[in-house]
Amino acid sequence: MVFDTLMMIAVLTLPLLAGAFMLWFMSTGKGNPAPTQEEIEIYKKNRANKA
């Protein structure tokens, strides 16, 4: 009986904690977004020209 109650609390709490962590992780990210495919191609061309 006690084990069932603890499992129920754990099952209901873990997704809430995961959601809170996800929001924290997303809000504290760096301001630099990932480069677009065009920016990657330009970088590769510039690097190839310098070599």
C-alpha atoms as a PDB file:
ATOM      1  CA  MET A   1       0.000   0.000   0.000  1.00  0.00           C
ATOM      2  CA  VAL A   2       2.740   2.461   0.961  1.00  0.00           C
ATOM      3  CA  PHE A   3       4.833   1.387  -2.042  1.00  0.00           C
ATOM      4  CA  ASP A   4       1.887   1.994  -4.381  1.00  0.00           C
ATOM      5  CA  THR A   5       1.406   5.495  -2.988  1.00  0.00           C
ATOM      6  CA  LEU A   6       5.094   6.327  -3.367  1.00  0.00           C
ATOM      7  CA  MET A   7       5.119   5.017  -6.933  1.00  0.00           C
ATOM      8  CA  MET A   8       2.050   7.081  -7.790  1.00  0.00           C
ATOM      9  CA  ILE A   9       3.661  10.223  -6.394  1.00  0.00           C
ATOM     10  CA  ALA A  10       6.894   9.515  -8.300  1.00  0.00           C
ATOM     11  CA  VAL A  11       5.077   8.837 -11.583  1.00  0.00           C
ATOM     12  CA  LEU A  12       3.100  12.065 -11.280  1.00  0.00           C
ATOM     13  CA  THR A  13       6.032  14.197 -10.114  1.00  0.00           C
ATOM     14  CA  LEU A  14       8.769  13.183 -12.556  1.00  0.00           C
ATOM     15  CA  PRO A  15       7.089  14.637 -15.693  1.00  0.00           C
ATOM     16  CA  LEU A  16       6.505  17.906 -13.844  1.00  0.00           C
ATOM     17  CA  LEU A  17      10.160  18.070 -12.849  1.00  0.00           C
ATOM     18  CA  ALA A  18      11.211  17.236 -16.407  1.00  0.00           C
ATOM     19  CA  GLY A  19       9.011  20.027 -17.759  1.00  0.00           C
ATOM     20  CA  ALA A  20      10.397  22.527 -15.267  1.00  0.00           C
ATOM     21  CA  PHE A  21      13.953  21.519 -16.176  1.00  0.00           C
ATOM     22  CA  MET A  22      13.170  21.872 -19.883  1.00  0.00           C
ATOM     23  CA  LEU A  23      11.798  25.388 -19.375  1.00  0.00           C
ATOM     24  CA  TRP A  24      14.839  26.351 -17.303  1.00  0.00           C
ATOM     25  CA  PHE A  25      17.217  24.860 -19.876  1.00  0.00           C
ATOM     26  CA  MET A  26      15.530  26.675 -22.761  1.00  0.00           C
ATOM     27  CA  SER A  27      15.386  30.017 -20.948  1.00  0.00           C
ATOM     28  CA  THR A  28      19.059  29.983 -19.944  1.00  0.00           C
ATOM     29  CA  GLY A  29      20.381  29.101 -23.399  1.00  0.00           C
ATOM     30  CA  LYS A  30      22.877  31.280 -25.214  1.00  0.00           C
ATOM     31  CA  GLY A  31      21.569  34.007 -27.496  1.00  0.00           C
ATOM     32  CA  ASN A  32      23.337  32.631 -30.550  1.00  0.00           C
ATOM     33  CA  PRO A  33      21.050  30.459 -32.645  1.00  0.00           C
ATOM     34  CA  ALA A  34      22.380  27.581 -34.693  1.00  0.00           C
ATOM     35  CA  PRO A  35      23.734  28.590 -38.112  1.00  0.00           C
ATOM     36  CA  THR A  36      21.546  28.098 -41.147  1.00  0.00           C
ATOM     37  CA  GLN A  37      22.526  25.797 -43.977  1.00  0.00           C
ATOM     38  CA  GLU A  38      23.461  28.813 -46.125  1.00  0.00           C
ATOM     39  CA  GLU A  39      25.788  30.150 -43.431  1.00  0.00           C
ATOM     40  CA  ILE A  40      27.459  26.745 -43.138  1.00  0.00           C
ATOM     41  CA  GLU A  41      28.033  26.617 -46.918  1.00  0.00           C
ATOM     42  CA  ILE A  42      29.480  30.145 -46.936  1.00  0.00           C
ATOM     43  CA  TYR A  43      31.807  29.229 -44.076  1.00  0.00           C
ATOM     44  CA  LYS A  44      32.978  26.109 -45.922  1.00  0.00           C
ATOM     45  CA  LYS A  45      33.610  28.089 -49.127  1.00  0.00           C
ATOM     46  CA  ASN A  46      35.586  30.736 -47.268  1.00  0.00           C
ATOM     47  CA  ARG A  47      37.636  28.088 -45.472  1.00  0.00           C
ATOM     48  CA  ALA A  48      38.324  26.251 -48.735  1.00  0.00           C
ATOM     49  CA  ASN A  49      39.453  29.480 -50.443  1.00  0.00           C
ATOM     50  CA  LYS A  50      41.886  30.307 -47.652  1.00  0.00           C
ATOM     51  CA  ALA A  51      43.527  26.861 -47.743  1.00  0.00           C
END
